[in-house]
């Protein structure tokens, strides 16, 4: 359920954050949160989840963080575990 509207959505916040990072790997967490219409705290938690799942890592260059996507891992749900994250990103990548 979408907590703001009380309705369900096709994409989770995790998918939205992943796609935002795919589009702009050097985006600040503040910017990712704004793009995904979530709080910065929620964005940080999602990024930690994705990092823990092996979907991404971070590199630091001074004060900037750049995210590196690791797209060969499978999706988390057992029904789609055989599908690499790369396929989701390719499917949803909007210009």
C-alpha atoms as a PDB file:
ATOM      1  CA  UNK A   1       0.000   0.000   0.000  1.00  0.00           C
ATOM      2  CA  UNK A   2       1.133   3.524  -0.711  1.00  0.00           C
ATOM      3  CA  UNK A   3       0.995   5.168   2.713  1.00  0.00           C
ATOM      4  CA  UNK A   4       0.459   8.627   1.271  1.00  0.00           C
ATOM      5  CA  UNK A   5      -2.541   7.799  -0.915  1.00  0.00           C
ATOM      6  CA  UNK A   6      -3.797   4.571   0.657  1.00  0.00           C
ATOM      7  CA  UNK A   7      -3.510   2.846  -2.712  1.00  0.00           C
ATOM      8  CA  UNK A   8      -1.149   0.178  -3.987  1.00  0.00           C
ATOM      9  CA  UNK A   9       1.561   0.810  -6.569  1.00  0.00           C
ATOM     10  CA  UNK A  10       3.406  -1.332  -9.085  1.00  0.00           C
ATOM     11  CA  UNK A  11       6.883  -0.372  -7.895  1.00  0.00           C
ATOM     12  CA  UNK A  12       8.269  -0.482  -4.373  1.00  0.00           C
ATOM     13  CA  UNK A  13      10.351   2.310  -2.942  1.00  0.00           C
ATOM     14  CA  UNK A  14      13.333  -0.038  -3.230  1.00  0.00           C
ATOM     15  CA  UNK A  15      12.780  -0.291  -6.996  1.00  0.00           C
ATOM     16  CA  UNK A  16      12.354   3.480  -7.258  1.00  0.00           C
ATOM     17  CA  UNK A  17      15.618   4.151  -5.409  1.00  0.00           C
ATOM     18  CA  UNK A  18      17.449   1.542  -7.492  1.00  0.00           C
ATOM     19  CA  UNK A  19      16.188   3.150 -10.696  1.00  0.00           C
ATOM     20  CA  UNK A  20      17.073   6.653  -9.495  1.00  0.00           C
ATOM     21  CA  UNK A  21      20.612   5.459  -8.761  1.00  0.00           C
ATOM     22  CA  UNK A  22      20.787   3.756 -12.176  1.00  0.00           C
ATOM     23  CA  UNK A  23      19.950   7.103 -13.791  1.00  0.00           C
ATOM     24  CA  UNK A  24      22.269   9.208 -11.603  1.00  0.00           C
ATOM     25  CA  UNK A  25      24.920   7.202  -9.707  1.00  0.00           C
ATOM     26  CA  UNK A  26      26.409  10.296  -8.078  1.00  0.00           C
ATOM     27  CA  UNK A  27      23.107  11.700  -6.781  1.00  0.00           C
ATOM     28  CA  UNK A  28      23.003  12.754  -3.140  1.00  0.00           C
ATOM     29  CA  UNK A  29      20.698  10.881  -0.803  1.00  0.00           C
ATOM     30  CA  UNK A  30      18.712  14.098  -0.423  1.00  0.00           C
ATOM     31  CA  UNK A  31      18.169  14.181  -4.184  1.00  0.00           C
ATOM     32  CA  UNK A  32      17.288  10.487  -4.380  1.00  0.00           C
ATOM     33  CA  UNK A  33      14.724  10.986  -1.629  1.00  0.00           C
ATOM     34  CA  UNK A  34      13.177  13.930  -3.467  1.00  0.00           C
ATOM     35  CA  UNK A  35      13.045  12.043  -6.765  1.00  0.00           C
ATOM     36  CA  UNK A  36      11.382   9.049  -5.088  1.00  0.00           C
ATOM     37  CA  UNK A  37       9.139  11.203  -2.869  1.00  0.00           C
ATOM     38  CA  UNK A  38      10.339   9.561   0.329  1.00  0.00           C
ATOM     39  CA  UNK A  39      12.168  10.875   3.366  1.00  0.00           C
ATOM     40  CA  UNK A  40      15.955  11.007   3.476  1.00  0.00           C
ATOM     41  CA  UNK A  41      15.876   8.533   6.348  1.00  0.00           C
ATOM     42  CA  UNK A  42      13.826   6.093   4.267  1.00  0.00           C
ATOM     43  CA  UNK A  43      16.190   6.551   1.309  1.00  0.00           C
ATOM     44  CA  UNK A  44      19.179   5.848   3.560  1.00  0.00           C
ATOM     45  CA  UNK A  45      17.523   2.678   4.909  1.00  0.00           C
ATOM     46  CA  UNK A  46      16.688   1.473   1.398  1.00  0.00           C
ATOM     47  CA  UNK A  47      20.242   2.132   0.207  1.00  0.00           C
ATOM     48  CA  UNK A  48      21.534   0.122   3.177  1.00  0.00           C
ATOM     49  CA  UNK A  49      19.119  -2.688   2.297  1.00  0.00           C
ATOM     50  CA  UNK A  50      20.261  -2.690  -1.338  1.00  0.00           C
ATOM     51  CA  UNK A  51      23.895  -2.591  -0.273  1.00  0.00           C
ATOM     52  CA  UNK A  52      23.344  -5.481   2.158  1.00  0.00           C
ATOM     53  CA  UNK A  53      21.679  -7.498  -0.598  1.00  0.00           C
ATOM     54  CA  UNK A  54      24.700  -6.952  -2.848  1.00  0.00           C
ATOM     55  CA  UNK A  55      22.806  -4.802  -5.361  1.00  0.00           C
ATOM     56  CA  UNK A  56      25.099  -1.805  -4.944  1.00  0.00           C
ATOM     57  CA  UNK A  57      28.183  -0.464  -3.256  1.00  0.00           C
ATOM     58  CA  UNK A  58      29.446   3.028  -2.549  1.00  0.00           C
ATOM     59  CA  UNK A  59      32.724   4.768  -3.296  1.00  0.00           C
ATOM     60  CA  UNK A  60      33.810   8.063  -1.814  1.00  0.00           C
ATOM     61  CA  UNK A  61      35.615  10.836  -3.636  1.00  0.00           C
ATOM     62  CA  UNK A  62      36.179  13.539  -1.075  1.00  0.00           C
ATOM     63  CA  UNK A  63      32.750  14.483   0.199  1.00  0.00           C
ATOM     64  CA  UNK A  64      30.888  12.904  -2.727  1.00  0.00           C
ATOM     65  CA  UNK A  65      29.543   9.385  -2.795  1.00  0.00           C
ATOM     66  CA  UNK A  66      29.101   7.486  -6.035  1.00  0.00           C
ATOM     67  CA  UNK A  67      26.971   4.367  -6.133  1.00  0.00           C
ATOM     68  CA  UNK A  68      28.016   1.343  -8.169  1.00  0.00           C
ATOM     69  CA  UNK A  69      25.226  -1.029  -9.155  1.00  0.00           C
ATOM     70  CA  UNK A  70      25.864  -4.776  -9.095  1.00  0.00           C
ATOM     71  CA  UNK A  71      23.251  -5.991 -11.522  1.00  0.00           C
ATOM     72  CA  UNK A  72      24.006  -9.695 -11.832  1.00  0.00           C
ATOM     73  CA  UNK A  73      22.343 -10.744  -8.564  1.00  0.00           C
ATOM     74  CA  UNK A  74      18.820 -12.123  -8.637  1.00  0.00           C
ATOM     75  CA  UNK A  75      15.663 -10.397  -7.500  1.00  0.00           C
ATOM     76  CA  UNK A  76      14.664 -11.155  -3.911  1.00  0.00           C
ATOM     77  CA  UNK A  77      11.244 -12.745  -4.302  1.00  0.00           C
ATOM     78  CA  UNK A  78      11.461 -16.529  -4.868  1.00  0.00           C
ATOM     79  CA  UNK A  79       9.205 -16.279  -7.938  1.00  0.00           C
ATOM     80  CA  UNK A  80      11.720 -13.941  -9.639  1.00  0.00           C
ATOM     81  CA  UNK A  81      14.980 -15.113  -8.027  1.00  0.00           C
ATOM     82  CA  UNK A  82      16.195 -16.387 -11.406  1.00  0.00           C
ATOM     83  CA  UNK A  83      15.851 -12.910 -12.936  1.00  0.00           C
ATOM     84  CA  UNK A  84      18.952 -10.722 -12.602  1.00  0.00           C
ATOM     85  CA  UNK A  85      18.527  -7.173 -11.310  1.00  0.00           C
ATOM     86  CA  UNK A  86      19.933  -6.027 -14.670  1.00  0.00           C
ATOM     87  CA  UNK A  87      16.720  -7.130 -16.403  1.00  0.00           C
ATOM     88  CA  UNK A  88      14.595  -5.006 -14.068  1.00  0.00           C
ATOM     89  CA  UNK A  89      16.793  -1.972 -14.644  1.00  0.00           C
ATOM     90  CA  UNK A  90      16.713  -2.465 -18.415  1.00  0.00           C
ATOM     91  CA  UNK A  91      12.953  -2.904 -18.362  1.00  0.00           C
ATOM     92  CA  UNK A  92      12.283   0.191 -16.271  1.00  0.00           C
ATOM     93  CA  UNK A  93      14.983   2.495 -17.539  1.00  0.00           C
ATOM     94  CA  UNK A  94      13.156   5.561 -18.671  1.00  0.00           C
ATOM     95  CA  UNK A  95      15.018   8.319 -20.473  1.00  0.00           C
END
